[in-house]
């Protein structure tokens, strides 16, 4: 682990290589899992605020799930998450050519809202666990991302490099620059 500010960053974030390969995984991180996408408290309000714009991008079954469950909910673990369709994919998931995308992000791309998508989705495969005095920043290993690890290795792109924009969104430019410096020093020491 590496400490940067109030975060402890797993070495996997620096050592592992990763580039999403939607042609191989079809966006299955939006489809599989035990629960919806983790949300931060302010994201709950953003989903409520922007739902009328987002709604136009969603599939009928996604709209129905949100109407029944709400724009967000508390799951069985007590975490704030997005709702699911029939205990499967996220209610905000849309499909284009059999690949899962985010309806929230489509509304953002079209300039209708100022909220890109939940930070947990934007950061994937990094997962953040918040504690009282620090955040643990970890690489989440999942079989459906095997092709992404292969593609990252082919292009020699570390997880943190692939996730530059979402990491800056979460922790800021200064934090990311420090991560880059620490990662370079770490790699040079090997």
N, C-alpha and C. Protein backbone atom coordinates (compact mmCIF):
# COMPACT_ATOMS: atom_id res chain seq x y z
N UNK A 1 0.84 -1.19 0.00
CA UNK A 1 0.00 0.00 0.00
C UNK A 1 0.88 1.25 0.00
N UNK A 2 0.37 2.27 -0.64
CA UNK A 2 1.05 3.56 -0.71
C UNK A 2 0.10 4.60 -0.12
N UNK A 3 0.63 5.46 0.74
CA UNK A 3 -0.20 6.51 1.30
C UNK A 3 -0.03 7.79 0.49
N UNK A 4 -1.18 8.33 0.04
CA UNK A 4 -1.22 9.62 -0.63
C UNK A 4 -2.33 10.41 0.04
N UNK A 5 -1.96 11.46 0.75
CA UNK A 5 -2.96 12.22 1.50
C UNK A 5 -3.69 11.30 2.46
N UNK A 6 -5.00 11.33 2.42
CA UNK A 6 -5.82 10.48 3.29
C UNK A 6 -6.28 9.21 2.59
N UNK A 7 -5.44 8.71 1.67
CA UNK A 7 -5.77 7.47 0.99
C UNK A 7 -4.64 6.47 1.14
N UNK A 8 -5.00 5.19 1.15
CA UNK A 8 -4.04 4.09 1.06
C UNK A 8 -4.34 3.39 -0.26
N UNK A 9 -3.39 3.45 -1.18
CA UNK A 9 -3.56 2.93 -2.53
C UNK A 9 -2.88 1.58 -2.64
N UNK A 10 -3.61 0.58 -3.06
CA UNK A 10 -3.06 -0.76 -3.27
C UNK A 10 -2.01 -0.72 -4.37
N UNK A 11 -0.96 -1.50 -4.20
CA UNK A 11 0.07 -1.59 -5.24
C UNK A 11 -0.49 -2.13 -6.55
N UNK A 12 -1.58 -2.89 -6.48
CA UNK A 12 -2.22 -3.39 -7.70
C UNK A 12 -2.64 -2.25 -8.63
N UNK A 13 -3.01 -1.12 -8.07
CA UNK A 13 -3.45 0.02 -8.87
C UNK A 13 -2.28 0.54 -9.72
N UNK A 14 -1.07 0.35 -9.25
CA UNK A 14 0.13 0.77 -9.98
C UNK A 14 0.70 -0.37 -10.82
N UNK A 15 0.69 -1.57 -10.28
CA UNK A 15 1.34 -2.71 -10.95
C UNK A 15 0.50 -3.36 -12.02
N UNK A 16 -0.80 -3.49 -11.79
CA UNK A 16 -1.68 -4.17 -12.75
C UNK A 16 -1.94 -3.27 -13.95
N UNK A 17 -2.18 -3.91 -15.09
CA UNK A 17 -2.45 -3.18 -16.33
C UNK A 17 -3.90 -3.46 -16.75
N UNK A 18 -4.52 -2.44 -17.36
CA UNK A 18 -5.97 -2.55 -17.60
C UNK A 18 -6.42 -1.52 -18.63
N UNK A 19 -7.20 -1.98 -19.60
CA UNK A 19 -7.95 -1.11 -20.53
C UNK A 19 -9.26 -1.82 -20.80
N UNK A 20 -10.38 -1.18 -20.51
CA UNK A 20 -11.68 -1.81 -20.78
C UNK A 20 -11.73 -2.30 -22.22
N UNK A 21 -12.24 -3.49 -22.39
CA UNK A 21 -12.39 -4.10 -23.72
C UNK A 21 -13.85 -4.49 -23.91
N UNK A 22 -14.66 -3.49 -24.24
CA UNK A 22 -16.11 -3.71 -24.35
C UNK A 22 -16.47 -4.74 -25.40
N UNK A 23 -15.63 -4.89 -26.42
CA UNK A 23 -15.93 -5.89 -27.44
C UNK A 23 -15.85 -7.31 -26.87
N UNK A 24 -15.09 -7.48 -25.81
CA UNK A 24 -14.93 -8.79 -25.18
C UNK A 24 -15.90 -9.00 -24.01
N UNK A 25 -16.04 -7.98 -23.16
CA UNK A 25 -16.85 -8.16 -21.94
C UNK A 25 -18.29 -7.68 -22.11
N UNK A 26 -18.56 -6.89 -23.12
CA UNK A 26 -19.90 -6.36 -23.40
C UNK A 26 -20.46 -5.50 -22.28
N UNK A 27 -19.59 -4.93 -21.46
CA UNK A 27 -20.06 -4.07 -20.38
C UNK A 27 -20.74 -4.83 -19.27
N UNK A 28 -20.34 -6.06 -19.06
CA UNK A 28 -21.02 -6.91 -18.08
C UNK A 28 -20.87 -6.45 -16.64
N UNK A 29 -19.98 -5.50 -16.35
CA UNK A 29 -19.91 -4.96 -14.99
C UNK A 29 -21.21 -4.23 -14.63
N UNK A 30 -21.97 -3.81 -15.65
CA UNK A 30 -23.27 -3.16 -15.42
C UNK A 30 -24.40 -4.17 -15.27
N UNK A 31 -24.10 -5.42 -15.61
CA UNK A 31 -25.14 -6.45 -15.68
C UNK A 31 -25.06 -7.43 -14.51
N UNK A 32 -23.85 -7.81 -14.12
CA UNK A 32 -23.68 -8.84 -13.09
C UNK A 32 -23.25 -8.24 -11.77
N UNK A 33 -23.55 -8.94 -10.71
CA UNK A 33 -23.16 -8.52 -9.38
C UNK A 33 -24.29 -8.79 -8.40
N UNK A 34 -23.99 -8.60 -7.14
CA UNK A 34 -24.96 -8.88 -6.09
C UNK A 34 -25.90 -7.72 -5.82
N UNK A 35 -25.51 -6.53 -6.28
CA UNK A 35 -26.25 -5.33 -5.92
C UNK A 35 -26.05 -4.29 -7.01
N UNK A 36 -26.75 -3.17 -6.89
CA UNK A 36 -26.56 -2.08 -7.83
C UNK A 36 -25.23 -1.39 -7.62
N UNK A 37 -24.97 -0.38 -8.43
CA UNK A 37 -23.72 0.37 -8.33
C UNK A 37 -23.70 1.17 -7.04
N UNK A 38 -22.60 1.12 -6.28
CA UNK A 38 -22.49 1.93 -5.06
C UNK A 38 -22.62 3.42 -5.39
N UNK A 39 -23.31 4.15 -4.52
CA UNK A 39 -23.52 5.58 -4.70
C UNK A 39 -23.00 6.35 -3.51
N UNK A 40 -22.51 7.55 -3.77
CA UNK A 40 -22.19 8.48 -2.70
C UNK A 40 -23.47 9.26 -2.39
N UNK A 41 -23.57 9.78 -1.19
CA UNK A 41 -24.79 10.45 -0.74
C UNK A 41 -25.22 11.56 -1.71
N UNK A 42 -24.29 12.39 -2.16
CA UNK A 42 -24.66 13.49 -3.06
C UNK A 42 -25.13 12.97 -4.42
N UNK A 43 -24.70 11.76 -4.81
CA UNK A 43 -25.16 11.18 -6.07
C UNK A 43 -26.62 10.78 -6.00
N UNK A 44 -27.07 10.40 -4.81
CA UNK A 44 -28.49 10.10 -4.62
C UNK A 44 -29.33 11.32 -5.02
N UNK A 45 -28.92 12.49 -4.56
CA UNK A 45 -29.65 13.73 -4.89
C UNK A 45 -29.53 14.08 -6.37
N UNK A 46 -28.36 13.84 -6.96
CA UNK A 46 -28.17 14.13 -8.38
C UNK A 46 -29.06 13.25 -9.25
N UNK A 47 -29.21 11.98 -8.86
CA UNK A 47 -30.10 11.10 -9.63
C UNK A 47 -31.55 11.58 -9.55
N UNK A 48 -31.98 12.00 -8.37
CA UNK A 48 -33.34 12.54 -8.23
C UNK A 48 -33.50 13.80 -9.08
N UNK A 49 -32.52 14.68 -8.99
CA UNK A 49 -32.56 15.97 -9.68
C UNK A 49 -32.62 15.79 -11.21
N UNK A 50 -31.84 14.85 -11.72
CA UNK A 50 -31.69 14.70 -13.17
C UNK A 50 -32.54 13.58 -13.78
N UNK A 51 -33.34 12.91 -12.97
CA UNK A 51 -34.01 11.72 -13.48
C UNK A 51 -34.87 11.99 -14.72
N UNK A 52 -35.56 13.10 -14.77
CA UNK A 52 -36.42 13.37 -15.93
C UNK A 52 -35.62 13.41 -17.22
N UNK A 53 -34.37 13.88 -17.18
CA UNK A 53 -33.52 13.88 -18.37
C UNK A 53 -32.98 12.48 -18.66
N UNK A 54 -32.60 11.78 -17.61
CA UNK A 54 -32.04 10.43 -17.76
C UNK A 54 -33.09 9.46 -18.27
N UNK A 55 -34.29 9.61 -17.78
CA UNK A 55 -35.40 8.69 -18.07
C UNK A 55 -35.58 8.46 -19.57
N UNK A 56 -35.39 9.50 -20.37
CA UNK A 56 -35.59 9.40 -21.82
C UNK A 56 -34.61 8.40 -22.46
N UNK A 57 -33.49 8.13 -21.81
CA UNK A 57 -32.48 7.23 -22.36
C UNK A 57 -32.67 5.77 -21.93
N UNK A 58 -33.51 5.55 -20.95
CA UNK A 58 -33.62 4.23 -20.35
C UNK A 58 -34.60 3.33 -21.08
N UNK A 59 -34.39 2.04 -20.92
CA UNK A 59 -35.31 1.04 -21.45
C UNK A 59 -36.57 1.02 -20.58
N UNK A 60 -37.68 0.58 -21.12
CA UNK A 60 -38.92 0.54 -20.33
C UNK A 60 -38.77 -0.22 -19.01
N UNK A 61 -38.03 -1.34 -19.02
CA UNK A 61 -37.86 -2.11 -17.81
C UNK A 61 -37.00 -1.37 -16.78
N UNK A 62 -36.08 -0.55 -17.24
CA UNK A 62 -35.29 0.28 -16.34
C UNK A 62 -36.14 1.35 -15.69
N UNK A 63 -36.97 2.02 -16.49
CA UNK A 63 -37.89 3.04 -15.95
C UNK A 63 -38.84 2.42 -14.94
N UNK A 64 -39.35 1.24 -15.26
CA UNK A 64 -40.28 0.55 -14.36
C UNK A 64 -39.60 0.22 -13.03
N UNK A 65 -38.37 -0.30 -13.08
CA UNK A 65 -37.64 -0.63 -11.85
C UNK A 65 -37.43 0.61 -10.99
N UNK A 66 -37.10 1.73 -11.63
CA UNK A 66 -36.87 2.97 -10.88
C UNK A 66 -38.18 3.50 -10.30
N UNK A 67 -39.26 3.40 -11.05
CA UNK A 67 -40.56 3.83 -10.53
C UNK A 67 -40.97 2.99 -9.32
N UNK A 68 -40.63 1.72 -9.33
CA UNK A 68 -41.00 0.83 -8.23
C UNK A 68 -40.05 0.95 -7.04
N UNK A 69 -38.74 1.13 -7.29
CA UNK A 69 -37.73 1.08 -6.24
C UNK A 69 -37.15 2.44 -5.86
N UNK A 70 -37.31 3.42 -6.74
CA UNK A 70 -36.70 4.73 -6.53
C UNK A 70 -35.44 4.88 -7.35
N UNK A 71 -34.94 6.11 -7.44
CA UNK A 71 -33.73 6.36 -8.22
C UNK A 71 -32.49 5.77 -7.55
N UNK A 72 -32.60 5.46 -6.26
CA UNK A 72 -31.55 4.77 -5.51
C UNK A 72 -32.22 4.05 -4.36
N UNK A 73 -31.48 3.16 -3.70
CA UNK A 73 -32.03 2.43 -2.57
C UNK A 73 -30.92 1.93 -1.67
N UNK A 74 -31.30 1.44 -0.51
CA UNK A 74 -30.35 0.82 0.41
C UNK A 74 -30.44 -0.69 0.20
N UNK A 75 -29.30 -1.33 -0.08
CA UNK A 75 -29.31 -2.77 -0.34
C UNK A 75 -29.26 -3.58 0.95
N UNK A 76 -29.18 -4.89 0.84
CA UNK A 76 -29.21 -5.78 2.01
C UNK A 76 -27.99 -5.61 2.91
N UNK A 77 -26.90 -5.02 2.38
CA UNK A 77 -25.71 -4.76 3.18
C UNK A 77 -25.76 -3.39 3.84
N UNK A 78 -26.83 -2.64 3.58
CA UNK A 78 -26.95 -1.29 4.15
C UNK A 78 -26.26 -0.22 3.33
N UNK A 79 -25.90 -0.54 2.08
CA UNK A 79 -25.20 0.41 1.21
C UNK A 79 -26.18 1.10 0.27
N UNK A 80 -25.91 2.35 -0.03
CA UNK A 80 -26.69 3.12 -0.99
C UNK A 80 -26.26 2.71 -2.39
N UNK A 81 -27.22 2.27 -3.23
CA UNK A 81 -26.90 1.73 -4.55
C UNK A 81 -27.98 2.11 -5.56
N UNK A 82 -27.68 1.85 -6.82
CA UNK A 82 -28.68 2.00 -7.87
C UNK A 82 -29.62 0.80 -7.84
N UNK A 83 -30.86 0.97 -8.29
CA UNK A 83 -31.77 -0.18 -8.35
C UNK A 83 -31.39 -1.13 -9.48
N UNK A 84 -31.87 -2.36 -9.37
CA UNK A 84 -31.65 -3.38 -10.39
C UNK A 84 -32.95 -3.74 -11.09
N UNK A 85 -32.82 -4.29 -12.28
CA UNK A 85 -33.96 -4.84 -13.01
C UNK A 85 -33.99 -6.33 -12.72
N UNK A 86 -35.03 -6.79 -12.06
CA UNK A 86 -35.19 -8.22 -11.76
C UNK A 86 -33.94 -8.84 -11.14
N UNK A 87 -33.30 -8.14 -10.22
CA UNK A 87 -32.09 -8.61 -9.53
C UNK A 87 -30.94 -8.91 -10.49
N UNK A 88 -30.93 -8.24 -11.64
CA UNK A 88 -29.86 -8.45 -12.64
C UNK A 88 -29.16 -7.13 -12.88
N UNK A 89 -29.31 -6.58 -14.09
CA UNK A 89 -28.55 -5.39 -14.45
C UNK A 89 -29.06 -4.13 -13.75
N UNK A 90 -28.18 -3.14 -13.69
CA UNK A 90 -28.52 -1.83 -13.14
C UNK A 90 -29.67 -1.25 -13.95
N UNK A 91 -30.60 -0.60 -13.28
CA UNK A 91 -31.77 -0.03 -13.95
C UNK A 91 -31.39 1.07 -14.94
N UNK A 92 -30.20 1.64 -14.80
CA UNK A 92 -29.74 2.70 -15.70
C UNK A 92 -29.00 2.17 -16.92
N UNK A 93 -28.89 0.83 -17.02
CA UNK A 93 -28.18 0.20 -18.13
C UNK A 93 -29.00 0.26 -19.40
N UNK A 94 -28.33 0.64 -20.47
CA UNK A 94 -28.93 0.57 -21.81
C UNK A 94 -28.03 -0.33 -22.65
N UNK A 95 -28.57 -0.85 -23.74
CA UNK A 95 -27.80 -1.74 -24.60
C UNK A 95 -27.75 -1.18 -26.01
N UNK A 96 -26.55 -1.21 -26.58
CA UNK A 96 -26.34 -0.84 -27.97
C UNK A 96 -25.48 -1.94 -28.58
N UNK A 97 -26.02 -2.62 -29.58
CA UNK A 97 -25.31 -3.74 -30.22
C UNK A 97 -24.85 -4.77 -29.19
N UNK A 98 -25.74 -5.09 -28.27
CA UNK A 98 -25.48 -6.09 -27.22
C UNK A 98 -24.38 -5.71 -26.25
N UNK A 99 -24.02 -4.43 -26.19
CA UNK A 99 -23.04 -3.94 -25.23
C UNK A 99 -23.75 -3.01 -24.26
N UNK A 100 -23.50 -3.22 -22.96
CA UNK A 100 -24.13 -2.41 -21.92
C UNK A 100 -23.42 -1.06 -21.79
N UNK A 101 -24.22 -0.01 -21.74
CA UNK A 101 -23.73 1.35 -21.50
C UNK A 101 -24.59 1.97 -20.41
N UNK A 102 -24.24 3.17 -20.01
CA UNK A 102 -24.96 3.85 -18.94
C UNK A 102 -25.87 4.94 -19.50
N UNK A 103 -27.16 4.85 -19.19
CA UNK A 103 -28.11 5.88 -19.62
C UNK A 103 -27.81 7.23 -19.00
N UNK A 104 -27.29 7.23 -17.79
CA UNK A 104 -26.90 8.48 -17.13
C UNK A 104 -25.81 9.15 -17.95
N UNK A 105 -24.81 8.36 -18.32
CA UNK A 105 -23.68 8.91 -19.07
C UNK A 105 -24.12 9.41 -20.45
N UNK A 106 -25.08 8.75 -21.06
CA UNK A 106 -25.58 9.21 -22.37
C UNK A 106 -26.22 10.59 -22.23
N UNK A 107 -26.99 10.81 -21.17
CA UNK A 107 -27.59 12.13 -20.94
C UNK A 107 -26.50 13.18 -20.71
N UNK A 108 -25.44 12.80 -20.00
CA UNK A 108 -24.31 13.69 -19.76
C UNK A 108 -23.58 14.01 -21.08
N UNK A 109 -23.33 12.97 -21.89
CA UNK A 109 -22.65 13.16 -23.17
C UNK A 109 -23.43 14.11 -24.08
N UNK A 110 -24.74 14.07 -23.99
CA UNK A 110 -25.59 14.94 -24.81
C UNK A 110 -25.77 16.33 -24.20
N UNK A 111 -25.09 16.58 -23.07
CA UNK A 111 -25.10 17.91 -22.45
C UNK A 111 -26.37 18.26 -21.69
N UNK A 112 -27.18 17.25 -21.37
CA UNK A 112 -28.43 17.52 -20.67
C UNK A 112 -28.28 17.61 -19.16
N UNK A 113 -27.24 16.97 -18.63
CA UNK A 113 -27.01 16.99 -17.19
C UNK A 113 -25.53 17.20 -16.92
N UNK A 114 -25.18 17.62 -15.70
CA UNK A 114 -23.78 17.85 -15.34
C UNK A 114 -23.20 16.73 -14.48
N UNK A 115 -23.88 15.60 -14.43
CA UNK A 115 -23.47 14.44 -13.63
C UNK A 115 -23.16 13.32 -14.61
N UNK A 116 -21.89 12.90 -14.68
CA UNK A 116 -21.48 11.92 -15.69
C UNK A 116 -22.07 10.53 -15.42
N UNK A 117 -21.85 10.02 -14.25
CA UNK A 117 -22.37 8.73 -13.79
C UNK A 117 -21.81 8.52 -12.39
N UNK A 118 -22.30 7.54 -11.65
CA UNK A 118 -21.75 7.31 -10.30
C UNK A 118 -20.23 7.14 -10.36
N UNK A 119 -19.55 7.73 -9.39
CA UNK A 119 -18.10 7.65 -9.36
C UNK A 119 -17.63 6.20 -9.24
N UNK A 120 -18.40 5.35 -8.58
CA UNK A 120 -18.01 3.94 -8.45
C UNK A 120 -17.95 3.27 -9.82
N UNK A 121 -18.84 3.67 -10.73
CA UNK A 121 -18.84 3.12 -12.09
C UNK A 121 -17.68 3.71 -12.90
N UNK A 122 -17.48 5.00 -12.76
CA UNK A 122 -16.43 5.69 -13.50
C UNK A 122 -15.05 5.16 -13.08
N UNK A 123 -14.90 4.81 -11.83
CA UNK A 123 -13.62 4.31 -11.31
C UNK A 123 -13.37 2.82 -11.55
N UNK A 124 -14.39 2.08 -11.96
CA UNK A 124 -14.20 0.63 -12.04
C UNK A 124 -13.07 0.29 -13.01
N UNK A 125 -12.14 -0.59 -12.65
CA UNK A 125 -12.15 -1.65 -11.65
C UNK A 125 -11.59 -1.27 -10.28
N UNK A 126 -11.42 0.01 -10.03
CA UNK A 126 -11.00 0.43 -8.69
C UNK A 126 -12.23 0.55 -7.81
N UNK A 127 -12.12 0.03 -6.62
CA UNK A 127 -13.18 0.17 -5.61
C UNK A 127 -12.58 0.91 -4.42
N UNK A 128 -13.36 1.80 -3.87
CA UNK A 128 -12.91 2.61 -2.73
C UNK A 128 -13.73 2.24 -1.50
N UNK A 129 -13.04 1.96 -0.44
CA UNK A 129 -13.69 1.71 0.85
C UNK A 129 -13.34 2.88 1.75
N UNK A 130 -14.37 3.59 2.20
CA UNK A 130 -14.15 4.75 3.05
C UNK A 130 -14.17 4.34 4.52
N UNK A 131 -13.12 4.75 5.23
CA UNK A 131 -13.03 4.55 6.67
C UNK A 131 -13.07 5.92 7.33
N UNK A 132 -13.07 5.96 8.64
CA UNK A 132 -13.15 7.24 9.35
C UNK A 132 -12.01 8.18 9.00
N UNK A 133 -10.79 7.67 8.92
CA UNK A 133 -9.64 8.55 8.74
C UNK A 133 -8.92 8.40 7.40
N UNK A 134 -9.35 7.47 6.55
CA UNK A 134 -8.71 7.29 5.25
C UNK A 134 -9.62 6.53 4.30
N UNK A 135 -9.29 6.60 3.01
CA UNK A 135 -9.94 5.78 1.99
C UNK A 135 -8.96 4.71 1.54
N UNK A 136 -9.44 3.48 1.39
CA UNK A 136 -8.65 2.40 0.81
C UNK A 136 -9.00 2.33 -0.67
N UNK A 137 -8.00 2.46 -1.52
CA UNK A 137 -8.18 2.47 -2.97
C UNK A 137 -7.61 1.16 -3.50
N UNK A 138 -8.51 0.27 -3.94
CA UNK A 138 -8.11 -1.09 -4.31
C UNK A 138 -8.54 -1.46 -5.73
N UNK A 139 -7.79 -2.35 -6.33
CA UNK A 139 -8.12 -2.94 -7.63
C UNK A 139 -9.03 -4.14 -7.38
N UNK A 140 -10.18 -4.16 -8.03
CA UNK A 140 -11.13 -5.26 -7.86
C UNK A 140 -10.89 -6.29 -8.97
N UNK A 141 -10.51 -7.49 -8.57
CA UNK A 141 -10.28 -8.58 -9.52
C UNK A 141 -11.61 -9.25 -9.82
N UNK A 142 -11.96 -9.34 -11.11
CA UNK A 142 -13.22 -9.98 -11.51
C UNK A 142 -12.97 -10.67 -12.84
N UNK A 143 -13.41 -11.90 -12.95
CA UNK A 143 -13.16 -12.70 -14.15
C UNK A 143 -13.65 -12.02 -15.43
N UNK A 144 -14.76 -11.29 -15.35
CA UNK A 144 -15.28 -10.68 -16.57
C UNK A 144 -14.34 -9.61 -17.14
N UNK A 145 -13.37 -9.18 -16.35
CA UNK A 145 -12.41 -8.17 -16.80
C UNK A 145 -11.09 -8.78 -17.28
N UNK A 146 -11.07 -10.08 -17.48
CA UNK A 146 -9.84 -10.74 -17.93
C UNK A 146 -9.33 -10.12 -19.23
N UNK A 147 -10.22 -9.90 -20.20
CA UNK A 147 -9.81 -9.32 -21.49
C UNK A 147 -9.24 -7.92 -21.31
N UNK A 148 -9.78 -7.16 -20.35
CA UNK A 148 -9.29 -5.80 -20.08
C UNK A 148 -7.87 -5.84 -19.53
N UNK A 149 -7.58 -6.83 -18.71
CA UNK A 149 -6.22 -6.98 -18.17
C UNK A 149 -5.25 -7.37 -19.31
N UNK A 150 -5.71 -8.23 -20.19
CA UNK A 150 -4.89 -8.63 -21.34
C UNK A 150 -4.61 -7.43 -22.25
N UNK A 151 -5.64 -6.64 -22.54
CA UNK A 151 -5.48 -5.47 -23.39
C UNK A 151 -4.58 -4.43 -22.73
N UNK A 152 -4.74 -4.23 -21.42
CA UNK A 152 -3.87 -3.31 -20.69
C UNK A 152 -2.42 -3.74 -20.75
N UNK A 153 -2.20 -5.03 -20.62
CA UNK A 153 -0.83 -5.57 -20.67
C UNK A 153 -0.23 -5.36 -22.07
N UNK A 154 -1.04 -5.57 -23.09
CA UNK A 154 -0.59 -5.39 -24.48
C UNK A 154 -0.13 -3.94 -24.70
N UNK A 155 -0.87 -3.00 -24.14
CA UNK A 155 -0.55 -1.57 -24.34
C UNK A 155 0.26 -0.96 -23.20
N UNK A 156 0.61 -1.79 -22.21
CA UNK A 156 1.40 -1.35 -21.06
C UNK A 156 0.79 -0.13 -20.36
N UNK A 157 -0.50 -0.23 -20.07
CA UNK A 157 -1.22 0.86 -19.41
C UNK A 157 -1.65 0.40 -18.03
N UNK A 158 -1.09 1.03 -17.01
CA UNK A 158 -1.43 0.69 -15.62
C UNK A 158 -2.87 1.11 -15.31
N UNK A 159 -3.43 0.47 -14.31
CA UNK A 159 -4.80 0.76 -13.89
C UNK A 159 -4.97 2.26 -13.61
N UNK A 160 -4.05 2.85 -12.84
CA UNK A 160 -4.19 4.25 -12.49
C UNK A 160 -4.11 5.16 -13.72
N UNK A 161 -3.35 4.75 -14.74
CA UNK A 161 -3.26 5.54 -15.97
C UNK A 161 -4.56 5.46 -16.75
N UNK A 162 -5.13 4.27 -16.83
CA UNK A 162 -6.41 4.10 -17.51
C UNK A 162 -7.50 4.92 -16.81
N UNK A 163 -7.41 5.03 -15.49
CA UNK A 163 -8.45 5.70 -14.70
C UNK A 163 -8.07 7.14 -14.33
N UNK A 164 -7.23 7.77 -15.10
CA UNK A 164 -6.77 9.12 -14.81
C UNK A 164 -7.94 10.08 -14.53
N UNK A 165 -8.88 10.19 -15.45
CA UNK A 165 -9.99 11.14 -15.30
C UNK A 165 -10.86 10.86 -14.08
N UNK A 166 -11.30 9.63 -13.87
CA UNK A 166 -12.12 9.41 -12.67
C UNK A 166 -11.36 9.57 -11.36
N UNK A 167 -10.07 9.23 -11.35
CA UNK A 167 -9.28 9.44 -10.13
C UNK A 167 -9.13 10.93 -9.84
N UNK A 168 -8.95 11.73 -10.88
CA UNK A 168 -8.90 13.18 -10.69
C UNK A 168 -10.27 13.69 -10.25
N UNK A 169 -11.32 13.17 -10.83
CA UNK A 169 -12.67 13.56 -10.42
C UNK A 169 -12.88 13.29 -8.93
N UNK A 170 -12.38 12.17 -8.44
CA UNK A 170 -12.58 11.78 -7.05
C UNK A 170 -11.65 12.53 -6.09
N UNK A 171 -10.37 12.61 -6.44
CA UNK A 171 -9.38 13.11 -5.47
C UNK A 171 -8.66 14.40 -5.90
N UNK A 172 -8.79 14.82 -7.13
CA UNK A 172 -8.18 16.07 -7.58
C UNK A 172 -6.86 15.88 -8.31
N UNK A 173 -6.46 16.94 -9.01
CA UNK A 173 -5.23 16.94 -9.83
C UNK A 173 -3.98 16.73 -8.98
N UNK A 174 -3.89 17.41 -7.84
CA UNK A 174 -2.68 17.31 -7.01
C UNK A 174 -2.49 15.87 -6.52
N UNK A 175 -3.57 15.25 -6.08
CA UNK A 175 -3.51 13.87 -5.61
C UNK A 175 -3.02 12.96 -6.74
N UNK A 176 -3.57 13.16 -7.95
CA UNK A 176 -3.18 12.31 -9.07
C UNK A 176 -1.72 12.51 -9.45
N UNK A 177 -1.26 13.76 -9.46
CA UNK A 177 0.16 14.02 -9.76
C UNK A 177 1.06 13.32 -8.76
N UNK A 178 0.67 13.34 -7.49
CA UNK A 178 1.48 12.65 -6.48
C UNK A 178 1.47 11.14 -6.74
N UNK A 179 0.33 10.61 -7.11
CA UNK A 179 0.25 9.18 -7.45
C UNK A 179 1.18 8.87 -8.62
N UNK A 180 1.18 9.71 -9.63
CA UNK A 180 2.08 9.49 -10.78
C UNK A 180 3.54 9.48 -10.35
N UNK A 181 3.92 10.43 -9.51
CA UNK A 181 5.31 10.50 -9.05
C UNK A 181 5.68 9.27 -8.22
N UNK A 182 4.80 8.87 -7.33
CA UNK A 182 5.06 7.69 -6.50
C UNK A 182 5.13 6.45 -7.38
N UNK A 183 4.23 6.33 -8.35
CA UNK A 183 4.23 5.17 -9.25
C UNK A 183 5.52 5.10 -10.05
N UNK A 184 5.99 6.23 -10.55
CA UNK A 184 7.23 6.26 -11.33
C UNK A 184 8.41 5.87 -10.44
N UNK A 185 8.48 6.42 -9.25
CA UNK A 185 9.58 6.07 -8.33
C UNK A 185 9.51 4.59 -7.98
N UNK A 186 8.32 4.08 -7.75
CA UNK A 186 8.15 2.66 -7.43
C UNK A 186 8.64 1.77 -8.58
N UNK A 187 8.22 2.10 -9.80
CA UNK A 187 8.64 1.30 -10.96
C UNK A 187 10.15 1.38 -11.19
N UNK A 188 10.72 2.54 -10.96
CA UNK A 188 12.17 2.71 -11.14
C UNK A 188 12.98 1.98 -10.08
N UNK A 189 12.36 1.70 -8.94
CA UNK A 189 13.07 1.00 -7.85
C UNK A 189 13.08 -0.50 -8.06
N UNK A 190 12.32 -0.98 -9.01
CA UNK A 190 12.22 -2.43 -9.24
C UNK A 190 13.30 -2.94 -10.18
